[in-house]
């Protein structure tokens, strides 16, 4: 999702996920990945926070998942990784 290529399609998927979340559980990490791919770091970090609050097991792969490459240069990423207890 680093480069989704089709911003409109990504926005459509986000809207579908919001609707779906009214009916069933949608992991916040999914929205975080999409926002990271869109380059919307603030939203990506907001959704990562939600994933952390829910103790999402998917955060274990945060440092190696290429979907989050666009966030790695942001100081918030290193702080988040430290806070959730992943090795530096």
PDB file of N, CA and C in Angstrom:
ATOM      1  N   UNK A   1       0.802  -1.199   0.000  1.00  0.00           N
ATOM      2  CA  UNK A   1       0.000   0.000   0.000  1.00  0.00           C
ATOM      3  C   UNK A   1       0.847   1.265   0.000  1.00  0.00           C
ATOM      4  N   UNK A   2       2.127   1.092  -0.048  1.00  0.00           N
ATOM      5  CA  UNK A   2       3.030   2.237  -0.096  1.00  0.00           C
ATOM      6  C   UNK A   2       2.576   3.217  -1.168  1.00  0.00           C
ATOM      7  N   UNK A   3       2.291   2.706  -2.339  1.00  0.00           N
ATOM      8  CA  UNK A   3       1.775   3.580  -3.389  1.00  0.00           C
ATOM      9  C   UNK A   3       0.530   2.930  -3.970  1.00  0.00           C
ATOM     10  N   UNK A   4      -0.582   3.322  -3.467  1.00  0.00           N
ATOM     11  CA  UNK A   4      -1.845   2.720  -3.889  1.00  0.00           C
ATOM     12  C   UNK A   4      -2.152   2.995  -5.350  1.00  0.00           C
ATOM     13  N   UNK A   5      -1.635   4.089  -5.854  1.00  0.00           N
ATOM     14  CA  UNK A   5      -1.867   4.398  -7.250  1.00  0.00           C
ATOM     15  C   UNK A   5      -3.203   5.055  -7.507  1.00  0.00           C
ATOM     16  N   UNK A   6      -4.240   4.610  -6.865  1.00  0.00           N
ATOM     17  CA  UNK A   6      -5.568   5.144  -7.107  1.00  0.00           C
ATOM     18  C   UNK A   6      -6.154   5.674  -5.807  1.00  0.00           C
ATOM     19  N   UNK A   7      -5.933   6.943  -5.578  1.00  0.00           N
ATOM     20  CA  UNK A   7      -6.369   7.595  -4.343  1.00  0.00           C
ATOM     21  C   UNK A   7      -7.890   7.492  -4.157  1.00  0.00           C
ATOM     22  N   UNK A   8      -8.628   7.666  -5.220  1.00  0.00           N
ATOM     23  CA  UNK A   8     -10.085   7.595  -5.135  1.00  0.00           C
ATOM     24  C   UNK A   8     -10.543   6.207  -4.694  1.00  0.00           C
ATOM     25  N   UNK A   9      -9.904   5.192  -5.214  1.00  0.00           N
ATOM     26  CA  UNK A   9     -10.250   3.822  -4.833  1.00  0.00           C
ATOM     27  C   UNK A   9      -9.938   3.582  -3.352  1.00  0.00           C
ATOM     28  N   UNK A  10      -8.815   4.112  -2.890  1.00  0.00           N
ATOM     29  CA  UNK A  10      -8.449   3.960  -1.478  1.00  0.00           C
ATOM     30  C   UNK A  10      -9.473   4.651  -0.587  1.00  0.00           C
ATOM     31  N   UNK A  11      -9.908   5.833  -0.990  1.00  0.00           N
ATOM     32  CA  UNK A  11     -10.916   6.558  -0.217  1.00  0.00           C
ATOM     33  C   UNK A  11     -12.235   5.771  -0.189  1.00  0.00           C
ATOM     34  N   UNK A  12     -12.551   5.151  -1.307  1.00  0.00           N
ATOM     35  CA  UNK A  12     -13.770   4.334  -1.392  1.00  0.00           C
ATOM     36  C   UNK A  12     -13.675   3.137  -0.440  1.00  0.00           C
ATOM     37  N   UNK A  13     -12.524   2.513  -0.385  1.00  0.00           N
ATOM     38  CA  UNK A  13     -12.321   1.379   0.518  1.00  0.00           C
ATOM     39  C   UNK A  13     -12.456   1.824   1.968  1.00  0.00           C
ATOM     40  N   UNK A  14     -11.895   2.981   2.300  1.00  0.00           N
ATOM     41  CA  UNK A  14     -12.016   3.500   3.662  1.00  0.00           C
ATOM     42  C   UNK A  14     -13.481   3.734   4.033  1.00  0.00           C
ATOM     43  N   UNK A  15     -14.248   4.274   3.100  1.00  0.00           N
ATOM     44  CA  UNK A  15     -15.678   4.499   3.351  1.00  0.00           C
ATOM     45  C   UNK A  15     -16.397   3.165   3.556  1.00  0.00           C
ATOM     46  N   UNK A  16     -16.049   2.165   2.769  1.00  0.00           N
ATOM     47  CA  UNK A  16     -16.660   0.846   2.909  1.00  0.00           C
ATOM     48  C   UNK A  16     -16.305   0.224   4.260  1.00  0.00           C
ATOM     49  N   UNK A  17     -15.075   0.415   4.680  1.00  0.00           N
ATOM     50  CA  UNK A  17     -14.658  -0.114   5.980  1.00  0.00           C
ATOM     51  C   UNK A  17     -15.422   0.547   7.123  1.00  0.00           C
ATOM     52  N   UNK A  18     -15.647   1.858   7.006  1.00  0.00           N
ATOM     53  CA  UNK A  18     -16.425   2.561   8.031  1.00  0.00           C
ATOM     54  C   UNK A  18     -17.840   1.979   8.126  1.00  0.00           C
ATOM     55  N   UNK A  19     -18.457   1.744   6.983  1.00  0.00           N
ATOM     56  CA  UNK A  19     -19.796   1.151   6.979  1.00  0.00           C
ATOM     57  C   UNK A  19     -19.779  -0.270   7.541  1.00  0.00           C
ATOM     58  N   UNK A  20     -18.825  -1.039   7.113  1.00  0.00           N
ATOM     59  CA  UNK A  20     -18.707  -2.423   7.574  1.00  0.00           C
ATOM     60  C   UNK A  20     -18.489  -2.486   9.080  1.00  0.00           C
ATOM     61  N   UNK A  21     -17.765  -1.510   9.620  1.00  0.00           N
ATOM     62  CA  UNK A  21     -17.480  -1.520  11.057  1.00  0.00           C
ATOM     63  C   UNK A  21     -18.735  -1.337  11.900  1.00  0.00           C
ATOM     64  N   UNK A  22     -19.815  -0.880  11.294  1.00  0.00           N
ATOM     65  CA  UNK A  22     -21.090  -0.790  12.008  1.00  0.00           C
ATOM     66  C   UNK A  22     -21.725  -2.164  12.190  1.00  0.00           C
ATOM     67  N   UNK A  23     -21.312  -3.111  11.376  1.00  0.00           N
ATOM     68  CA  UNK A  23     -21.901  -4.446  11.407  1.00  0.00           C
ATOM     69  C   UNK A  23     -20.991  -5.489  12.037  1.00  0.00           C
ATOM     70  N   UNK A  24     -19.677  -5.315  11.842  1.00  0.00           N
ATOM     71  CA  UNK A  24     -18.739  -6.295  12.379  1.00  0.00           C
ATOM     72  C   UNK A  24     -17.399  -5.636  12.644  1.00  0.00           C
ATOM     73  N   UNK A  25     -16.548  -6.359  13.329  1.00  0.00           N
ATOM     74  CA  UNK A  25     -15.248  -5.837  13.712  1.00  0.00           C
ATOM     75  C   UNK A  25     -14.344  -5.660  12.496  1.00  0.00           C
ATOM     76  N   UNK A  26     -13.749  -4.485  12.399  1.00  0.00           N
ATOM     77  CA  UNK A  26     -12.743  -4.198  11.378  1.00  0.00           C
ATOM     78  C   UNK A  26     -11.486  -3.760  12.125  1.00  0.00           C
ATOM     79  N   UNK A  27     -10.410  -4.501  12.007  1.00  0.00           N
ATOM     80  CA  UNK A  27      -9.194  -4.155  12.741  1.00  0.00           C
ATOM     81  C   UNK A  27      -8.688  -2.760  12.362  1.00  0.00           C
ATOM     82  N   UNK A  28      -8.369  -1.933  13.355  1.00  0.00           N
ATOM     83  CA  UNK A  28      -7.888  -0.586  13.057  1.00  0.00           C
ATOM     84  C   UNK A  28      -6.581  -0.576  12.262  1.00  0.00           C
ATOM     85  N   UNK A  29      -5.830  -1.652  12.345  1.00  0.00           N
ATOM     86  CA  UNK A  29      -4.575  -1.723  11.599  1.00  0.00           C
ATOM     87  C   UNK A  29      -4.836  -1.638  10.094  1.00  0.00           C
ATOM     88  N   UNK A  30      -6.008  -2.100   9.669  1.00  0.00           N
ATOM     89  CA  UNK A  30      -6.362  -2.044   8.251  1.00  0.00           C
ATOM     90  C   UNK A  30      -6.459  -0.600   7.777  1.00  0.00           C
ATOM     91  N   UNK A  31      -7.144   0.229   8.529  1.00  0.00           N
ATOM     92  CA  UNK A  31      -7.240   1.651   8.169  1.00  0.00           C
ATOM     93  C   UNK A  31      -5.876   2.321   8.266  1.00  0.00           C
ATOM     94  N   UNK A  32      -5.086   1.935   9.273  1.00  0.00           N
ATOM     95  CA  UNK A  32      -3.744   2.506   9.415  1.00  0.00           C
ATOM     96  C   UNK A  32      -2.906   2.225   8.167  1.00  0.00           C
ATOM     97  N   UNK A  33      -3.011   1.025   7.645  1.00  0.00           N
ATOM     98  CA  UNK A  33      -2.257   0.657   6.432  1.00  0.00           C
ATOM     99  C   UNK A  33      -2.687   1.499   5.235  1.00  0.00           C
ATOM    100  N   UNK A  34      -3.974   1.686   5.090  1.00  0.00           N
ATOM    101  CA  UNK A  34      -4.481   2.444   3.950  1.00  0.00           C
ATOM    102  C   UNK A  34      -4.053   3.909   4.058  1.00  0.00           C
ATOM    103  N   UNK A  35      -4.200   4.482   5.236  1.00  0.00           N
ATOM    104  CA  UNK A  35      -3.785   5.879   5.409  1.00  0.00           C
ATOM    105  C   UNK A  35      -2.278   6.039   5.216  1.00  0.00           C
ATOM    106  N   UNK A  36      -1.499   5.070   5.661  1.00  0.00           N
ATOM    107  CA  UNK A  36      -0.046   5.135   5.433  1.00  0.00           C
ATOM    108  C   UNK A  36       0.240   5.117   3.933  1.00  0.00           C
ATOM    109  N   UNK A  37      -0.476   4.271   3.201  1.00  0.00           N
ATOM    110  CA  UNK A  37      -0.313   4.199   1.751  1.00  0.00           C
ATOM    111  C   UNK A  37      -0.710   5.485   1.050  1.00  0.00           C
ATOM    112  N   UNK A  38      -1.680   6.180   1.625  1.00  0.00           N
ATOM    113  CA  UNK A  38      -2.123   7.457   1.060  1.00  0.00           C
ATOM    114  C   UNK A  38      -1.186   8.611   1.428  1.00  0.00           C
ATOM    115  N   UNK A  39      -0.289   8.343   2.372  1.00  0.00           N
ATOM    116  CA  UNK A  39       0.613   9.399   2.822  1.00  0.00           C
ATOM    117  C   UNK A  39       0.003  10.291   3.893  1.00  0.00           C
ATOM    118  N   UNK A  40      -1.132   9.891   4.434  1.00  0.00           N
ATOM    119  CA  UNK A  40      -1.799  10.657   5.497  1.00  0.00           C
ATOM    120  C   UNK A  40      -1.281  10.128   6.835  1.00  0.00           C
ATOM    121  N   UNK A  41      -0.122  10.642   7.234  1.00  0.00           N
ATOM    122  CA  UNK A  41       0.550  10.130   8.426  1.00  0.00           C
ATOM    123  C   UNK A  41      -0.251  10.373   9.696  1.00  0.00           C
ATOM    124  N   UNK A  42      -0.893  11.524   9.803  1.00  0.00           N
ATOM    125  CA  UNK A  42      -1.660  11.807  11.017  1.00  0.00           C
ATOM    126  C   UNK A  42      -2.761  10.776  11.226  1.00  0.00           C
ATOM    127  N   UNK A  43      -3.501  10.473  10.179  1.00  0.00           N
ATOM    128  CA  UNK A  43      -4.554   9.463  10.283  1.00  0.00           C
ATOM    129  C   UNK A  43      -3.972   8.068  10.513  1.00  0.00           C
ATOM    130  N   UNK A  44      -2.863   7.775   9.856  1.00  0.00           N
ATOM    131  CA  UNK A  44      -2.223   6.472  10.043  1.00  0.00           C
ATOM    132  C   UNK A  44      -1.842   6.282  11.509  1.00  0.00           C
ATOM    133  N   UNK A  45      -1.248   7.308  12.110  1.00  0.00           N
ATOM    134  CA  UNK A  45      -0.859   7.197  13.518  1.00  0.00           C
ATOM    135  C   UNK A  45      -2.082   7.140  14.431  1.00  0.00           C
ATOM    136  N   UNK A  46      -3.131   7.846  14.084  1.00  0.00           N
ATOM    137  CA  UNK A  46      -4.359   7.783  14.888  1.00  0.00           C
ATOM    138  C   UNK A  46      -4.918   6.363  14.900  1.00  0.00           C
ATOM    139  N   UNK A  47      -4.899   5.710  13.749  1.00  0.00           N
ATOM    140  CA  UNK A  47      -5.406   4.335  13.677  1.00  0.00           C
ATOM    141  C   UNK A  47      -4.447   3.354  14.336  1.00  0.00           C
ATOM    142  N   UNK A  48      -3.154   3.628  14.267  1.00  0.00           N
ATOM    143  CA  UNK A  48      -2.198   2.783  14.993  1.00  0.00           C
ATOM    144  C   UNK A  48      -2.448   2.882  16.498  1.00  0.00           C
ATOM    145  N   UNK A  49      -2.776   4.076  16.958  1.00  0.00           N
ATOM    146  CA  UNK A  49      -3.110   4.251  18.383  1.00  0.00           C
ATOM    147  C   UNK A  49      -4.320   3.406  18.759  1.00  0.00           C
ATOM    148  N   UNK A  50      -5.307   3.374  17.886  1.00  0.00           N
ATOM    149  CA  UNK A  50      -6.488   2.555  18.158  1.00  0.00           C
ATOM    150  C   UNK A  50      -6.107   1.076  18.205  1.00  0.00           C
ATOM    151  N   UNK A  51      -5.238   0.669  17.297  1.00  0.00           N
ATOM    152  CA  UNK A  51      -4.770  -0.720  17.291  1.00  0.00           C
ATOM    153  C   UNK A  51      -4.028  -1.029  18.590  1.00  0.00           C
ATOM    154  N   UNK A  52      -3.240  -0.074  19.055  1.00  0.00           N
ATOM    155  CA  UNK A  52      -2.506  -0.254  20.312  1.00  0.00           C
ATOM    156  C   UNK A  52      -3.476  -0.363  21.488  1.00  0.00           C
ATOM    157  N   UNK A  53      -4.478   0.479  21.503  1.00  0.00           N
ATOM    158  CA  UNK A  53      -5.483   0.444  22.566  1.00  0.00           C
ATOM    159  C   UNK A  53      -6.173  -0.916  22.615  1.00  0.00           C
ATOM    160  N   UNK A  54      -6.384  -1.496  21.443  1.00  0.00           N
ATOM    161  CA  UNK A  54      -7.023  -2.813  21.360  1.00  0.00           C
ATOM    162  C   UNK A  54      -6.033  -3.966  21.538  1.00  0.00           C
ATOM    163  N   UNK A  55      -4.764  -3.624  21.730  1.00  0.00           N
ATOM    164  CA  UNK A  55      -3.703  -4.630  21.885  1.00  0.00           C
ATOM    165  C   UNK A  55      -3.625  -5.563  20.674  1.00  0.00           C
ATOM    166  N   UNK A  56      -3.669  -4.964  19.514  1.00  0.00           N
ATOM    167  CA  UNK A  56      -3.653  -5.728  18.269  1.00  0.00           C
ATOM    168  C   UNK A  56      -2.348  -6.507  18.102  1.00  0.00           C
ATOM    169  N   UNK A  57      -2.495  -7.789  17.836  1.00  0.00           N
ATOM    170  CA  UNK A  57      -1.343  -8.642  17.613  1.00  0.00           C
ATOM    171  C   UNK A  57      -0.592  -8.237  16.335  1.00  0.00           C
ATOM    172  N   UNK A  58      -1.284  -7.587  15.414  1.00  0.00           N
ATOM    173  CA  UNK A  58      -0.673  -7.192  14.141  1.00  0.00           C
ATOM    174  C   UNK A  58       0.427  -6.161  14.323  1.00  0.00           C
ATOM    175  N   UNK A  59       0.433  -5.464  15.454  1.00  0.00           N
ATOM    176  CA  UNK A  59       1.491  -4.480  15.711  1.00  0.00           C
ATOM    177  C   UNK A  59       2.854  -5.132  15.872  1.00  0.00           C
ATOM    178  N   UNK A  60       2.888  -6.433  16.112  1.00  0.00           N
ATOM    179  CA  UNK A  60       4.169  -7.136  16.236  1.00  0.00           C
ATOM    180  C   UNK A  60       5.004  -7.030  14.963  1.00  0.00           C
ATOM    181  N   UNK A  61       4.350  -6.848  13.832  1.00  0.00           N
ATOM    182  CA  UNK A  61       5.049  -6.792  12.545  1.00  0.00           C
ATOM    183  C   UNK A  61       5.237  -5.363  12.038  1.00  0.00           C
ATOM    184  N   UNK A  62       4.950  -4.412  12.880  1.00  0.00           N
ATOM    185  CA  UNK A  62       4.994  -3.008  12.476  1.00  0.00           C
ATOM    186  C   UNK A  62       6.343  -2.595  11.899  1.00  0.00           C
ATOM    187  N   UNK A  63       7.417  -3.053  12.496  1.00  0.00           N
ATOM    188  CA  UNK A  63       8.748  -2.628  12.057  1.00  0.00           C
ATOM    189  C   UNK A  63       9.186  -3.252  10.737  1.00  0.00           C
ATOM    190  N   UNK A  64       8.572  -4.345  10.350  1.00  0.00           N
ATOM    191  CA  UNK A  64       9.017  -5.035   9.134  1.00  0.00           C
ATOM    192  C   UNK A  64       7.991  -5.027   8.008  1.00  0.00           C
ATOM    193  N   UNK A  65       6.774  -4.648   8.302  1.00  0.00           N
ATOM    194  CA  UNK A  65       5.735  -4.635   7.278  1.00  0.00           C
ATOM    195  C   UNK A  65       5.967  -3.461   6.327  1.00  0.00           C
ATOM    196  N   UNK A  66       6.176  -3.738   5.050  1.00  0.00           N
ATOM    197  CA  UNK A  66       6.464  -2.662   4.095  1.00  0.00           C
ATOM    198  C   UNK A  66       5.317  -1.669   3.921  1.00  0.00           C
ATOM    199  N   UNK A  67       4.125  -2.027   4.362  1.00  0.00           N
ATOM    200  CA  UNK A  67       2.991  -1.111   4.242  1.00  0.00           C
ATOM    201  C   UNK A  67       3.187   0.137   5.103  1.00  0.00           C
ATOM    202  N   UNK A  68       4.094   0.039   6.075  1.00  0.00           N
ATOM    203  CA  UNK A  68       4.340   1.165   6.971  1.00  0.00           C
ATOM    204  C   UNK A  68       5.668   1.869   6.674  1.00  0.00           C
ATOM    205  N   UNK A  69       6.289   1.563   5.552  1.00  0.00           N
ATOM    206  CA  UNK A  69       7.558   2.195   5.187  1.00  0.00           C
ATOM    207  C   UNK A  69       7.468   3.718   5.166  1.00  0.00           C
ATOM    208  N   UNK A  70       6.344   4.249   4.728  1.00  0.00           N
ATOM    209  CA  UNK A  70       6.204   5.704   4.616  1.00  0.00           C
ATOM    210  C   UNK A  70       6.197   6.396   5.980  1.00  0.00           C
ATOM    211  N   UNK A  71       6.006   5.638   7.045  1.00  0.00           N
ATOM    212  CA  UNK A  71       5.957   6.223   8.394  1.00  0.00           C
ATOM    213  C   UNK A  71       7.299   6.156   9.106  1.00  0.00           C
ATOM    214  N   UNK A  72       8.198   5.339   8.645  1.00  0.00           N
ATOM    215  CA  UNK A  72       9.446   5.085   9.372  1.00  0.00           C
ATOM    216  C   UNK A  72      10.310   6.316   9.591  1.00  0.00           C
ATOM    217  N   UNK A  73      10.295   7.266   8.699  1.00  0.00           N
ATOM    218  CA  UNK A  73      11.128   8.465   8.848  1.00  0.00           C
ATOM    219  C   UNK A  73      10.511   9.494   9.799  1.00  0.00           C
ATOM    220  N   UNK A  74       9.285   9.278  10.194  1.00  0.00           N
ATOM    221  CA  UNK A  74       8.597  10.181  11.107  1.00  0.00           C
ATOM    222  C   UNK A  74       9.012   9.856  12.543  1.00  0.00           C
ATOM    223  N   UNK A  75       9.368  10.875  13.313  1.00  0.00           N
ATOM    224  CA  UNK A  75       9.809  10.678  14.697  1.00  0.00           C
ATOM    225  C   UNK A  75       8.745   9.960  15.529  1.00  0.00           C
ATOM    226  N   UNK A  76       7.485  10.137  15.172  1.00  0.00           N
ATOM    227  CA  UNK A  76       6.413   9.468  15.906  1.00  0.00           C
ATOM    228  C   UNK A  76       6.493   7.954  15.782  1.00  0.00           C
ATOM    229  N   UNK A  77       7.042   7.484  14.666  1.00  0.00           N
ATOM    230  CA  UNK A  77       7.147   6.037  14.454  1.00  0.00           C
ATOM    231  C   UNK A  77       8.090   5.415  15.478  1.00  0.00           C
ATOM    232  N   UNK A  78       9.281   5.990  15.623  1.00  0.00           N
ATOM    233  CA  UNK A  78      10.258   5.461  16.583  1.00  0.00           C
ATOM    234  C   UNK A  78       9.693   5.513  18.000  1.00  0.00           C
ATOM    235  N   UNK A  79       9.012   6.583  18.324  1.00  0.00           N
ATOM    236  CA  UNK A  79       8.417   6.723  19.653  1.00  0.00           C
ATOM    237  C   UNK A  79       7.313   5.684  19.851  1.00  0.00           C
ATOM    238  N   UNK A  80       6.510   5.465  18.839  1.00  0.00           N
ATOM    239  CA  UNK A  80       5.433   4.478  18.928  1.00  0.00           C
ATOM    240  C   UNK A  80       6.001   3.074  19.118  1.00  0.00           C
ATOM    241  N   UNK A  81       7.015   2.744  18.319  1.00  0.00           N
ATOM    242  CA  UNK A  81       7.663   1.436  18.416  1.00  0.00           C
ATOM    243  C   UNK A  81       8.222   1.231  19.820  1.00  0.00           C
ATOM    244  N   UNK A  82       8.852   2.265  20.365  1.00  0.00           N
ATOM    245  CA  UNK A  82       9.413   2.175  21.714  1.00  0.00           C
ATOM    246  C   UNK A  82       8.289   1.956  22.731  1.00  0.00           C
ATOM    247  N   UNK A  83       7.219   2.731  22.595  1.00  0.00           N
ATOM    248  CA  UNK A  83       6.129   2.686  23.557  1.00  0.00           C
ATOM    249  C   UNK A  83       5.402   1.345  23.560  1.00  0.00           C
ATOM    250  N   UNK A  84       5.270   0.735  22.396  1.00  0.00           N
ATOM    251  CA  UNK A  84       4.564  -0.545  22.373  1.00  0.00           C
ATOM    252  C   UNK A  84       5.488  -1.715  22.742  1.00  0.00           C
ATOM    253  N   UNK A  85       6.780  -1.413  22.919  1.00  0.00           N
ATOM    254  CA  UNK A  85       7.696  -2.421  23.447  1.00  0.00           C
ATOM    255  C   UNK A  85       8.420  -3.258  22.428  1.00  0.00           C
ATOM    256  N   UNK A  86       8.430  -2.818  21.178  1.00  0.00           N
ATOM    257  CA  UNK A  86       9.200  -3.560  20.179  1.00  0.00           C
ATOM    258  C   UNK A  86      10.673  -3.200  20.320  1.00  0.00           C
ATOM    259  N   UNK A  87      11.562  -4.139  20.007  1.00  0.00           N
ATOM    260  CA  UNK A  87      12.995  -3.829  20.098  1.00  0.00           C
ATOM    261  C   UNK A  87      13.382  -2.722  19.123  1.00  0.00           C
ATOM    262  N   UNK A  88      14.273  -1.893  19.575  1.00  0.00           N
ATOM    263  CA  UNK A  88      14.736  -0.789  18.729  1.00  0.00           C
ATOM    264  C   UNK A  88      15.735  -1.341  17.749  1.00  0.00           C
TER     265      UNK A  88
END
